Amino acid sequence: MAFTHPILIFFIIHFFFSASHSFDLSSDEICSFTPFPILCKTLLPQNNSIDIYDSGRLSIQLSLSTTNQIINSINDFLNPIELLLPKSTISALQDCQYLLGLNVDLLSNAAVVAKKPNNSLENTEADDVLARLSATITNKQTCLDGLLAAPSILQSANLITPSISKGSMMCSVSLALFKKGWNPGSGVGDFISWSMLKIREKVVVNPDGTGNYTTINDAIAAAPDNSLEREGYYQIYVVAGVYHEYVSVAANKKYLMMVGDGIDRTIITGNRNVPDGSTTFNSATFAVDGQGFVAMNITFKNTAGAAKFQAVAVRNSADLSAFHYCSFEGYQDTLYTHSLRQFYKECNIYGTIDFIFGNAAVVFQNCNIYPRLPLPGQFNVITAQGRTDINQNTGISIHKCAITPSIELASYNGTKPVRTYLGRPWKEYSRTVYMRSFLDSFVHPDGWSIWTDDFALKTLYYAEYKNSGPGADTSNRVRWSGYRGEISYMDASCFTVSNFILGNFWLPWSGVPYTAGLYL
């Protein structure tokens, strides 16, 4: 596929190379900052003096153009033969359409910010772009994972996946150049101790007809589109009950707050799963993409059971999202922290294999993490973090949480003990940290498990900091070069709410309490 027309390249170069050049390097030097220098050099003009900022702007624009072209190719491929494809393949292609559509918005937003001179950016704008460019890579990787897992005809794999793979590499180049030129992470602020929560409108969901709406999806559909943070939250109160709904909070439903009557009282449940034809991405009972989403006092379930393997309760792709006093219940792949920046406070998470997974920048604080009883012969893995690019801002931070067995696992009396691990590397640059958390005795002394053979054992980043409990002893942990063991206070501080997800700048608006640093 031809990715970009020469006329478009000329226009972009002419438009974006009009700024003053304050960081001039050769294209070879600039591309050496990226994971794909050969591809990078095909994107940039070959001269002896190129501005790092203009190079970043050009790369983002080319990534955007390429993404639109890939969407068109998927549409052209899918429409005439959709009825001939297996259900799971259709689902995977539809996921790609949706995910790449999100990328168009993410890249368009990044392009607007990148036009500004570096010294004119507001406090967190560069960090916002870093998060969004990181998410574009995650979205394309999710698309690829779904296509490669689905039974598809050879033509779809040969025509579509190479284009998506190359598009993902272009986003990786954009991320590397932006990170080098704009230096995100320099705007960390002080702890803000007060709540700035503002509610613009409240509606009630009650199936008995006494509220404003009888279903959750109807209430979401009525929410205003593209709200701004300063306008306040559209609050949906969901009265106690069991809601058999597959709920989706679209990307244009921003700053929506959903409040229930409490864990095990307001329950949203479904049973989609991969063996029955869903992709992992679209198996979620509850899926959210709208920026600024907040949920409180709700249980989210996927009841497919351990025998159905991948079955997601919540898939969260919402930037600046928070869950407080919520419960997530499933087995394999319970909570899909898919992308962007997320926070979970005083929540319960139940599962067996990889049950907290994804590639968001996410902090869990004061949560209860409950490994369950898996199928015979299986072992438990709490996390499977999916960072694919060393420049992504992503990872899992588990802070002041309690890792204890569920009731059924604690009472298990089988002939072989169930091994339980803190995590394993789903992708090459997998990054997970446990800090000041309680680890019960059922945690395996190795601590961490392989994915397959020696994959990612040198490139992952796994670490622990001042955990407690009988499972916290690190003396018999794995000896991989990527495992950092007990890290220092300074290193651990990088994974706090204030530093890792810049929570001081957005959590006060949500009304969700948090600890900014390692200690309070």
Protein backbone atom coordinates (compact mmCIF):
# COMPACT_ATOMS: atom_id res chain seq x y z
CA MET A 1 0.00 0.00 0.00
CA ALA A 2 1.26 3.50 -0.78
CA PHE A 3 1.08 5.31 2.52
CA THR A 4 1.37 8.97 1.55
CA HIS A 5 1.09 10.81 -1.73
CA PRO A 6 4.20 12.86 -2.69
CA ILE A 7 2.11 16.04 -2.98
CA LEU A 8 0.91 15.56 0.60
CA ILE A 9 4.49 15.15 1.80
CA PHE A 10 5.47 18.38 0.03
CA PHE A 11 2.52 20.24 1.57
CA ILE A 12 3.23 18.98 5.09
CA ILE A 13 6.94 19.83 4.83
CA HIS A 14 6.18 23.31 3.49
CA PHE A 15 3.56 23.96 6.19
CA PHE A 16 5.36 22.60 9.22
CA PHE A 17 8.90 23.70 8.40
CA SER A 18 8.07 27.39 8.70
CA ALA A 19 8.92 27.63 12.43
CA SER A 20 12.28 28.74 13.72
CA HIS A 21 14.84 25.95 14.02
CA SER A 22 16.12 25.82 17.57
CA PHE A 23 17.16 22.15 17.67
CA ASP A 24 18.80 21.41 14.30
CA LEU A 25 20.24 17.95 13.59
CA SER A 26 20.77 15.69 10.61
CA SER A 27 18.01 13.24 9.76
CA ASP A 28 20.34 10.39 10.79
CA GLU A 29 20.84 11.94 14.22
CA ILE A 30 17.16 12.63 14.72
CA CYS A 31 16.11 9.15 13.62
CA SER A 32 18.65 7.55 15.95
CA PHE A 33 16.35 8.62 18.81
CA THR A 34 13.59 6.32 17.50
CA PRO A 35 13.10 2.54 17.66
CA PHE A 36 12.78 2.42 13.86
CA PRO A 37 15.53 4.64 12.40
CA ILE A 38 15.34 3.20 8.87
CA LEU A 39 11.61 3.87 8.60
CA CYS A 40 12.12 7.28 10.22
CA LYS A 41 14.61 8.34 7.55
CA THR A 42 12.08 7.52 4.82
CA LEU A 43 9.64 9.95 6.46
CA LEU A 44 11.94 12.94 6.92
CA PRO A 45 13.49 15.14 4.22
CA GLN A 46 17.09 14.19 3.57
CA ASN A 47 19.07 17.32 4.28
CA ASN A 48 21.80 18.27 6.71
CA SER A 49 19.79 20.40 9.09
CA ILE A 50 16.37 19.41 10.40
CA ASP A 51 14.51 20.85 13.37
CA ILE A 52 13.48 18.25 15.97
CA TYR A 53 10.13 19.97 16.50
CA ASP A 54 9.30 20.15 12.81
CA SER A 55 10.34 16.52 12.44
CA GLY A 56 7.94 15.56 15.23
CA ARG A 57 5.12 17.58 13.65
CA LEU A 58 5.72 16.00 10.26
CA SER A 59 5.80 12.51 11.71
CA ILE A 60 2.49 13.01 13.55
CA GLN A 61 0.83 14.30 10.39
CA LEU A 62 2.12 11.36 8.35
CA SER A 63 0.92 8.94 11.04
CA LEU A 64 -2.52 10.55 10.84
CA SER A 65 -2.62 10.31 7.05
CA THR A 66 -1.53 6.68 7.16
CA THR A 67 -4.14 5.82 9.77
CA ASN A 68 -6.91 7.21 7.57
CA GLN A 69 -5.63 5.19 4.63
CA ILE A 70 -5.58 1.98 6.68
CA ILE A 71 -9.17 2.59 7.81
CA ASN A 72 -10.21 2.97 4.18
CA SER A 73 -8.41 -0.25 3.28
CA ILE A 74 -10.15 -2.18 6.07
CA ASN A 75 -13.52 -0.77 4.98
CA ASP A 76 -12.86 -1.75 1.36
CA PHE A 77 -11.74 -5.22 2.35
CA LEU A 78 -14.52 -5.93 4.85
CA ASN A 79 -17.63 -4.70 3.07
CA PRO A 80 -17.84 -7.02 0.02
CA ILE A 81 -16.93 -10.26 1.81
CA GLU A 82 -18.19 -9.75 5.34
CA LEU A 83 -20.72 -12.57 5.06
CA LEU A 84 -17.97 -15.02 4.05
CA LEU A 85 -15.84 -14.46 7.15
CA PRO A 86 -16.11 -16.19 10.53
CA LYS A 87 -17.84 -14.21 13.28
CA SER A 88 -14.61 -13.79 15.25
CA THR A 89 -12.79 -12.42 12.19
CA ILE A 90 -15.56 -9.91 11.54
CA SER A 91 -15.35 -8.88 15.20
CA ALA A 92 -11.57 -8.42 14.93
CA LEU A 93 -11.92 -6.25 11.80
CA GLN A 94 -14.64 -4.18 13.43
CA ASP A 95 -12.37 -3.69 16.44
CA CYS A 96 -9.72 -2.37 14.06
CA GLN A 97 -12.16 0.07 12.50
CA TYR A 98 -13.09 1.35 15.93
CA LEU A 99 -9.57 1.50 17.36
CA LEU A 100 -8.10 3.24 14.34
CA GLY A 101 -10.99 5.69 14.44
CA LEU A 102 -9.91 6.53 17.99
CA ASN A 103 -6.37 7.00 16.66
CA VAL A 104 -7.57 9.59 14.18
CA ASP A 105 -8.88 11.68 17.09
CA LEU A 106 -5.76 11.08 19.21
CA LEU A 107 -3.36 12.02 16.40
CA SER A 108 -5.44 15.04 15.36
CA ASN A 109 -5.32 16.34 18.91
CA ALA A 110 -1.58 15.67 19.15
CA ALA A 111 -1.01 17.55 15.89
CA VAL A 112 -2.80 20.64 17.23
CA VAL A 113 -0.67 20.73 20.38
CA ALA A 114 2.54 20.02 18.46
CA LYS A 115 2.01 23.14 16.35
CA LYS A 116 2.66 25.29 19.41
CA PRO A 117 6.21 26.38 20.23
CA ASN A 118 7.64 24.20 22.97
CA ASN A 119 7.92 27.09 25.45
CA SER A 120 4.26 28.06 25.01
CA LEU A 121 2.71 24.76 26.11
CA GLU A 122 0.50 24.76 29.19
CA ASN A 123 1.63 22.75 32.21
CA THR A 124 0.41 19.29 31.19
CA GLU A 125 -0.10 19.60 27.43
CA ALA A 126 3.11 17.76 26.53
CA ASP A 127 2.21 14.96 28.94
CA ASP A 128 -1.26 14.75 27.38
CA VAL A 129 0.31 14.25 23.95
CA LEU A 130 2.72 11.66 25.33
CA ALA A 131 -0.26 9.70 26.70
CA ARG A 132 -2.20 9.99 23.44
CA LEU A 133 0.68 8.96 21.20
CA SER A 134 1.35 6.03 23.54
CA ALA A 135 -2.31 5.03 23.14
CA THR A 136 -2.13 5.12 19.34
CA ILE A 137 0.49 2.35 19.46
CA THR A 138 -1.62 0.37 21.93
CA ASN A 139 -4.69 0.68 19.72
CA LYS A 140 -2.88 -0.61 16.66
CA GLN A 141 -1.33 -3.44 18.68
CA THR A 142 -4.78 -4.41 19.96
CA CYS A 143 -6.02 -4.44 16.38
CA LEU A 144 -3.13 -6.68 15.32
CA ASP A 145 -3.58 -9.02 18.28
CA GLY A 146 -7.24 -9.48 17.42
CA LEU A 147 -6.57 -10.18 13.75
CA LEU A 148 -3.78 -12.63 14.48
CA ALA A 149 -5.94 -14.52 17.00
CA ALA A 150 -8.97 -14.76 14.72
CA PRO A 151 -9.41 -17.50 12.13
CA SER A 152 -9.16 -15.50 8.93
CA ILE A 153 -8.62 -16.14 5.28
CA LEU A 154 -5.04 -15.73 4.09
CA GLN A 155 -5.82 -12.65 2.02
CA SER A 156 -6.89 -10.60 5.05
CA ALA A 157 -3.67 -11.37 6.92
CA ASN A 158 -1.47 -10.61 3.91
CA LEU A 159 -3.18 -7.38 2.89
CA ILE A 160 -4.09 -5.77 6.19
CA THR A 161 -1.72 -6.76 8.98
CA PRO A 162 1.51 -5.51 7.30
CA SER A 163 -0.10 -2.11 6.77
CA ILE A 164 -1.23 -1.90 10.39
CA SER A 165 2.18 -3.03 11.59
CA LYS A 166 3.92 -0.33 9.57
CA GLY A 167 1.40 2.22 10.79
CA SER A 168 2.19 1.21 14.37
CA MET A 169 5.90 1.77 13.71
CA MET A 170 5.14 5.23 12.34
CA CYS A 171 3.28 6.08 15.55
CA SER A 172 6.30 4.80 17.47
CA VAL A 173 8.53 7.19 15.52
CA SER A 174 6.12 10.05 16.28
CA LEU A 175 6.18 9.20 19.98
CA ALA A 176 9.97 9.06 20.12
CA LEU A 177 10.43 12.37 18.31
CA PHE A 178 7.82 14.12 20.43
CA LYS A 179 9.31 12.78 23.64
CA LYS A 180 12.79 13.93 22.59
CA GLY A 181 11.73 17.40 21.46
CA TRP A 182 8.97 18.41 23.86
CA ASN A 183 10.32 16.78 27.07
CA PRO A 184 7.04 15.70 28.72
CA GLY A 185 7.09 15.09 32.46
CA SER A 186 8.48 18.49 33.47
CA GLY A 187 5.19 19.90 34.72
CA VAL A 188 4.56 17.85 37.86
CA GLY A 189 2.77 19.97 40.44
CA ASP A 190 2.22 19.96 44.18
CA PHE A 191 -0.38 17.90 46.02
CA ILE A 192 -3.86 19.37 45.87
CA SER A 193 -5.82 18.37 48.96
CA TRP A 194 -9.29 19.70 48.17
CA SER A 195 -12.00 18.42 45.86
CA MET A 196 -13.14 20.55 42.93
CA LEU A 197 -16.01 18.24 41.99
CA LYS A 198 -18.82 19.93 40.07
CA ILE A 199 -22.06 18.26 38.93
CA ARG A 200 -23.83 19.86 35.97
CA GLU A 201 -26.83 17.50 35.84
CA LYS A 202 -28.15 14.40 37.62
CA VAL A 203 -30.33 11.66 36.16
CA VAL A 204 -31.63 8.40 37.63
CA VAL A 205 -31.74 4.91 36.12
CA ASN A 206 -34.43 2.66 37.62
CA PRO A 207 -35.93 -0.32 35.76
CA ASP A 208 -39.27 0.21 37.52
CA GLY A 209 -39.85 3.40 35.54
CA THR A 210 -39.69 5.83 38.46
CA GLY A 211 -36.38 7.34 37.31
CA ASN A 212 -35.45 9.29 34.21
CA TYR A 213 -34.41 6.15 32.33
CA THR A 214 -34.96 2.41 32.64
CA THR A 215 -31.59 1.34 31.18
CA ILE A 216 -28.03 2.52 31.67
CA ASN A 217 -27.37 2.77 27.94
CA ASP A 218 -30.36 5.07 27.47
CA ALA A 219 -29.03 7.40 30.17
CA ILE A 220 -25.60 7.45 28.52
CA ALA A 221 -27.11 8.17 25.11
CA ALA A 222 -28.87 11.22 26.56
CA ALA A 223 -25.66 12.65 28.03
CA PRO A 224 -24.27 15.74 26.27
CA ASP A 225 -21.50 15.17 23.74
CA ASN A 226 -17.93 16.37 24.22
CA SER A 227 -18.41 18.05 27.57
CA LEU A 228 -15.53 20.03 29.03
CA GLU A 229 -14.07 19.47 32.48
CA ARG A 230 -14.99 22.96 33.61
CA GLU A 231 -18.66 22.33 32.76
CA GLY A 232 -18.89 19.60 35.39
CA TYR A 233 -19.99 15.98 35.37
CA TYR A 234 -23.17 14.50 33.96
CA GLN A 235 -24.06 12.15 36.83
CA ILE A 236 -26.01 8.95 36.29
CA TYR A 237 -27.35 7.41 39.50
CA VAL A 238 -28.03 3.69 38.96
CA VAL A 239 -30.30 2.34 41.67
CA ALA A 240 -29.69 -1.05 43.26
CA GLY A 241 -30.43 -3.99 40.99
CA VAL A 242 -28.91 -6.41 38.49
CA TYR A 243 -28.47 -4.89 35.02
CA HIS A 244 -28.01 -7.39 32.22
CA GLU A 245 -26.61 -4.83 29.82
CA TYR A 246 -23.53 -4.52 27.66
CA VAL A 247 -22.70 -0.91 28.39
CA SER A 248 -20.54 1.32 26.22
CA VAL A 249 -19.43 4.85 27.07
CA ALA A 250 -18.35 6.28 23.71
CA ALA A 251 -15.42 8.62 23.24
CA ASN A 252 -17.73 11.62 22.76
CA LYS A 253 -19.39 11.06 26.15
CA LYS A 254 -16.85 12.94 28.22
CA TYR A 255 -16.92 13.74 31.95
CA LEU A 256 -19.67 11.28 32.74
CA MET A 257 -20.01 10.04 36.33
CA MET A 258 -21.86 6.82 37.20
CA VAL A 259 -22.85 6.21 40.83
CA GLY A 260 -24.48 3.06 42.16
CA ASP A 261 -25.90 2.00 45.52
CA GLY A 262 -22.82 -0.01 46.46
CA ILE A 263 -20.78 -3.11 45.69
CA ASP A 264 -23.06 -6.16 45.27
CA ARG A 265 -26.10 -3.88 45.20
CA THR A 266 -25.77 -2.17 41.80
CA ILE A 267 -24.49 -4.92 39.48
CA ILE A 268 -23.79 -4.70 35.74
CA THR A 269 -23.30 -8.19 34.30
CA GLY A 270 -22.71 -10.07 31.06
CA ASN A 271 -21.00 -13.21 29.78
CA ARG A 272 -19.33 -12.49 26.44
CA ASN A 273 -16.12 -14.43 25.86
CA VAL A 274 -13.58 -15.39 23.22
CA PRO A 275 -14.60 -19.05 22.61
CA ASP A 276 -18.13 -17.90 21.78
CA GLY A 277 -16.89 -15.51 19.08
CA SER A 278 -15.93 -12.25 20.75
CA THR A 279 -12.49 -10.77 20.65
CA THR A 280 -10.93 -10.06 24.03
CA PHE A 281 -11.43 -6.35 23.34
CA ASN A 282 -15.16 -6.61 22.64
CA SER A 283 -15.95 -9.26 25.25
CA ALA A 284 -16.27 -6.55 27.92
CA THR A 285 -19.51 -6.25 29.87
CA PHE A 286 -18.70 -2.57 30.41
CA ALA A 287 -16.52 -0.59 27.98
CA VAL A 288 -15.54 3.04 28.39
CA ASP A 289 -13.71 5.44 26.06
CA GLY A 290 -15.03 8.83 27.21
CA GLN A 291 -12.40 11.06 28.81
CA GLY A 292 -12.88 11.90 32.48
CA PHE A 293 -15.17 8.96 33.26
CA VAL A 294 -15.79 8.24 36.97
CA ALA A 295 -17.59 5.23 38.49
CA MET A 296 -18.45 4.70 42.17
CA ASN A 297 -20.25 2.01 44.19
CA ILE A 298 -20.83 -0.47 41.35
CA THR A 299 -20.04 -4.15 40.71
CA PHE A 300 -19.01 -5.12 37.18
CA LYS A 301 -19.16 -8.83 36.27
CA ASN A 302 -18.37 -11.22 33.49
CA THR A 303 -19.99 -14.52 34.43
CA ALA A 304 -18.67 -16.62 31.52
CA GLY A 305 -16.58 -18.59 34.01
CA ALA A 306 -13.07 -20.01 34.00
CA ALA A 307 -13.89 -22.56 31.29
CA LYS A 308 -14.54 -19.77 28.76
CA PHE A 309 -11.01 -18.32 29.13
CA GLN A 310 -10.75 -14.64 28.05
CA ALA A 311 -13.86 -12.82 29.28
CA VAL A 312 -13.57 -9.16 30.27
CA ALA A 313 -15.74 -7.48 32.91
CA VAL A 314 -14.49 -3.91 32.24
CA ARG A 315 -12.42 -2.57 29.36
CA ASN A 316 -11.22 0.94 30.09
CA SER A 317 -9.69 3.10 27.34
CA ALA A 318 -10.71 6.42 28.90
CA ASP A 319 -8.09 9.04 29.66
CA LEU A 320 -8.21 10.62 33.12
CA SER A 321 -10.69 7.99 34.37
CA ALA A 322 -11.24 6.81 37.93
CA PHE A 323 -13.11 4.01 39.72
CA HIS A 324 -13.87 4.27 43.45
CA TYR A 325 -15.48 1.61 45.66
CA CYS A 326 -16.12 -0.68 42.68
CA SER A 327 -15.80 -4.43 42.25
CA PHE A 328 -14.56 -6.22 39.12
CA GLU A 329 -15.42 -9.91 38.96
CA GLY A 330 -14.33 -12.49 36.41
CA TYR A 331 -11.72 -15.16 35.84
CA GLN A 332 -9.26 -14.75 32.97
CA ASP A 333 -8.79 -11.13 31.79
CA THR A 334 -11.22 -9.55 34.26
CA LEU A 335 -10.05 -5.92 34.11
CA TYR A 336 -8.64 -4.65 30.81
CA THR A 337 -6.82 -1.41 31.64
CA HIS A 338 -6.41 -0.86 27.95
CA SER A 339 -4.84 2.57 27.42
CA LEU A 340 -4.28 6.16 28.57
CA ARG A 341 -4.27 7.30 32.25
CA GLN A 342 -6.38 5.59 34.91
CA PHE A 343 -6.86 5.41 38.69
CA TYR A 344 -8.57 2.83 40.92
CA LYS A 345 -9.21 3.52 44.62
CA GLU A 346 -10.55 1.09 47.25
CA CYS A 347 -11.77 -1.37 44.64
CA ASN A 348 -12.02 -5.18 44.65
CA ILE A 349 -10.59 -7.13 41.69
CA TYR A 350 -11.21 -10.88 41.30
CA GLY A 351 -9.73 -13.23 38.72
CA THR A 352 -7.35 -16.02 37.78
CA ILE A 353 -5.09 -15.59 34.73
CA ASP A 354 -3.80 -12.14 33.70
CA PHE A 355 -6.82 -10.64 35.39
CA ILE A 356 -5.38 -7.11 35.50
CA PHE A 357 -3.92 -6.50 32.05
CA GLY A 358 -3.51 -3.92 29.30
CA ASN A 359 -1.28 -0.98 28.45
CA ALA A 360 -2.61 2.00 30.37
CA ALA A 361 -0.64 4.16 32.77
CA VAL A 362 -2.60 3.01 35.80
CA VAL A 363 -2.36 3.24 39.58
CA PHE A 364 -4.28 0.95 41.95
CA GLN A 365 -4.43 2.36 45.46
CA ASN A 366 -5.85 0.73 48.61
CA CYS A 367 -7.47 -1.98 46.50
CA ASN A 368 -8.19 -5.61 47.41
CA ILE A 369 -6.86 -8.02 44.79
CA TYR A 370 -8.34 -11.52 45.06
CA PRO A 371 -6.92 -14.37 42.97
CA ARG A 372 -9.59 -17.06 42.54
CA LEU A 373 -9.53 -20.82 42.06
CA PRO A 374 -8.56 -21.52 38.41
CA LEU A 375 -9.25 -24.59 36.29
CA PRO A 376 -7.38 -27.78 37.23
CA GLY A 377 -3.75 -27.54 36.15
CA GLN A 378 -3.80 -23.75 35.78
CA PHE A 379 -1.93 -21.19 37.85
CA ASN A 380 -2.88 -17.62 38.74
CA VAL A 381 -1.18 -14.53 37.35
CA ILE A 382 -2.37 -11.19 38.69
CA THR A 383 -0.97 -8.82 36.03
CA ALA A 384 -0.04 -9.00 32.35
CA GLN A 385 1.18 -5.56 31.37
CA GLY A 386 1.38 -4.86 27.64
CA ARG A 387 3.91 -2.08 26.92
CA THR A 388 5.32 -2.62 23.42
CA ASP A 389 7.45 0.51 23.08
CA ILE A 390 10.12 1.73 25.48
CA ASN A 391 8.95 5.34 25.05
CA GLN A 392 5.37 4.67 26.14
CA ASN A 393 4.33 6.25 29.44
CA THR A 394 2.48 3.09 30.47
CA GLY A 395 2.66 0.51 33.25
CA ILE A 396 0.83 -0.93 36.26
CA SER A 397 1.48 0.57 39.70
CA ILE A 398 -0.03 -1.30 42.67
CA HIS A 399 0.22 0.93 45.73
CA LYS A 400 -0.95 0.19 49.28
CA CYS A 401 -3.08 -2.74 48.10
CA ALA A 402 -3.79 -6.14 49.69
CA ILE A 403 -3.17 -9.32 47.68
CA THR A 404 -5.04 -12.12 49.44
CA PRO A 405 -6.80 -15.30 48.22
CA SER A 406 -10.51 -15.33 47.48
CA ILE A 407 -12.67 -17.51 49.71
CA GLU A 408 -12.77 -20.40 47.23
CA LEU A 409 -9.00 -20.32 46.73
CA ALA A 410 -8.29 -20.07 50.44
CA SER A 411 -10.49 -23.10 51.15
CA TYR A 412 -9.09 -25.19 48.28
CA ASN A 413 -7.84 -28.59 49.46
CA GLY A 414 -6.51 -30.09 46.23
CA THR A 415 -3.53 -32.40 45.91
CA LYS A 416 -1.42 -29.66 44.31
CA PRO A 417 -1.26 -26.06 45.52
CA VAL A 418 -2.32 -23.34 43.10
CA ARG A 419 0.67 -21.22 42.18
CA THR A 420 -0.01 -17.47 42.20
CA TYR A 421 2.35 -14.94 40.59
CA LEU A 422 2.47 -11.16 40.69
CA GLY A 423 2.71 -10.85 36.93
CA ARG A 424 4.16 -11.99 33.63
CA PRO A 425 5.32 -10.10 30.52
CA TRP A 426 2.57 -9.99 27.93
CA LYS A 427 4.62 -7.64 25.73
CA GLU A 428 8.31 -6.85 25.34
CA TYR A 429 8.58 -3.79 27.61
CA SER A 430 6.09 -4.96 30.25
CA ARG A 431 6.27 -2.74 33.35
CA THR A 432 4.71 -3.45 36.76
CA VAL A 433 5.56 -2.26 40.28
CA TYR A 434 4.16 -3.34 43.67
CA MET A 435 4.68 -0.72 46.39
CA ARG A 436 3.83 -0.76 50.10
CA SER A 437 1.31 -3.54 49.52
CA PHE A 438 0.44 -6.61 51.61
CA LEU A 439 1.35 -9.91 49.89
CA ASP A 440 -0.12 -12.98 51.55
CA SER A 441 1.71 -16.31 51.87
CA PHE A 442 0.11 -17.89 48.80
CA VAL A 443 2.22 -15.66 46.50
CA HIS A 444 4.86 -17.92 44.92
CA PRO A 445 8.41 -17.24 46.18
CA ASP A 446 9.54 -16.59 42.57
CA GLY A 447 7.12 -13.70 42.53
CA TRP A 448 6.93 -13.46 38.75
CA SER A 449 6.29 -15.89 35.89
CA ILE A 450 7.56 -16.14 32.33
CA TRP A 451 5.26 -15.66 29.35
CA THR A 452 7.09 -18.06 27.08
CA ASP A 453 10.74 -19.14 27.18
CA ASP A 454 12.95 -16.06 27.72
CA PHE A 455 10.65 -13.55 26.02
CA ALA A 456 11.04 -10.01 27.45
CA LEU A 457 13.06 -11.11 30.49
CA LYS A 458 15.78 -8.56 29.65
CA THR A 459 13.51 -5.73 28.50
CA LEU A 460 10.72 -5.83 31.10
CA TYR A 461 10.67 -3.65 34.22
CA TYR A 462 9.34 -5.40 37.33
CA ALA A 463 10.03 -4.07 40.80
CA GLU A 464 8.91 -4.08 44.43
CA TYR A 465 9.13 -1.46 47.15
CA LYS A 466 8.64 -1.99 50.90
CA ASN A 467 5.85 -4.53 50.63
CA SER A 468 4.75 -6.44 53.71
CA GLY A 469 3.32 -9.84 54.57
CA PRO A 470 4.62 -13.41 54.24
CA GLY A 471 4.65 -13.24 50.44
CA ALA A 472 6.78 -10.07 50.30
CA ASP A 473 10.17 -11.71 50.85
CA THR A 474 12.24 -11.00 47.71
CA SER A 475 15.22 -13.24 48.58
CA ASN A 476 14.00 -16.08 46.34
CA ARG A 477 12.60 -13.98 43.51
CA VAL A 478 13.42 -14.56 39.83
CA ARG A 479 16.88 -13.60 38.64
CA TRP A 480 15.96 -11.99 35.33
CA SER A 481 17.97 -8.95 34.27
CA GLY A 482 14.73 -6.98 33.85
CA TYR A 483 13.60 -7.67 37.41
CA ARG A 484 14.83 -4.79 39.60
CA GLY A 485 14.05 -6.38 42.96
CA GLU A 486 13.63 -3.95 45.86
CA ILE A 487 13.97 -0.48 44.35
CA SER A 488 14.90 2.81 46.00
CA TYR A 489 12.56 5.50 47.28
CA MET A 490 13.46 7.72 44.32
CA ASP A 491 12.70 4.99 41.79
CA ALA A 492 9.45 4.05 43.53
CA SER A 493 8.38 7.71 43.55
CA CYS A 494 8.23 7.63 39.76
CA PHE A 495 5.19 5.33 40.02
CA THR A 496 3.06 7.40 42.38
CA VAL A 497 -0.22 9.11 41.53
CA SER A 498 1.44 12.52 41.31
CA ASN A 499 4.28 11.43 39.03
CA PHE A 500 3.09 8.43 37.04
CA ILE A 501 -0.38 9.64 36.03
CA LEU A 502 -0.07 13.33 37.04
CA GLY A 503 -3.11 12.85 39.25
CA ASN A 504 -2.70 16.21 40.99
CA PHE A 505 -3.83 17.89 37.79
CA TRP A 506 -7.06 15.95 37.25
CA LEU A 507 -8.13 13.75 40.17
CA PRO A 508 -9.36 16.68 42.35
CA TRP A 509 -12.03 17.33 39.70
CA SER A 510 -13.31 13.75 40.06
CA GLY A 511 -14.00 13.85 43.79
CA VAL A 512 -12.08 10.58 44.22
CA PRO A 513 -9.64 10.72 47.18
CA TYR A 514 -6.03 9.75 46.61
CA THR A 515 -2.56 9.69 48.11
CA ALA A 516 -0.25 11.70 45.88
CA GLY A 517 3.08 10.24 46.98
CA LEU A 518 4.42 7.06 48.53
CA TYR A 519 3.48 8.09 52.06
CA LEU A 520 0.81 10.14 53.73
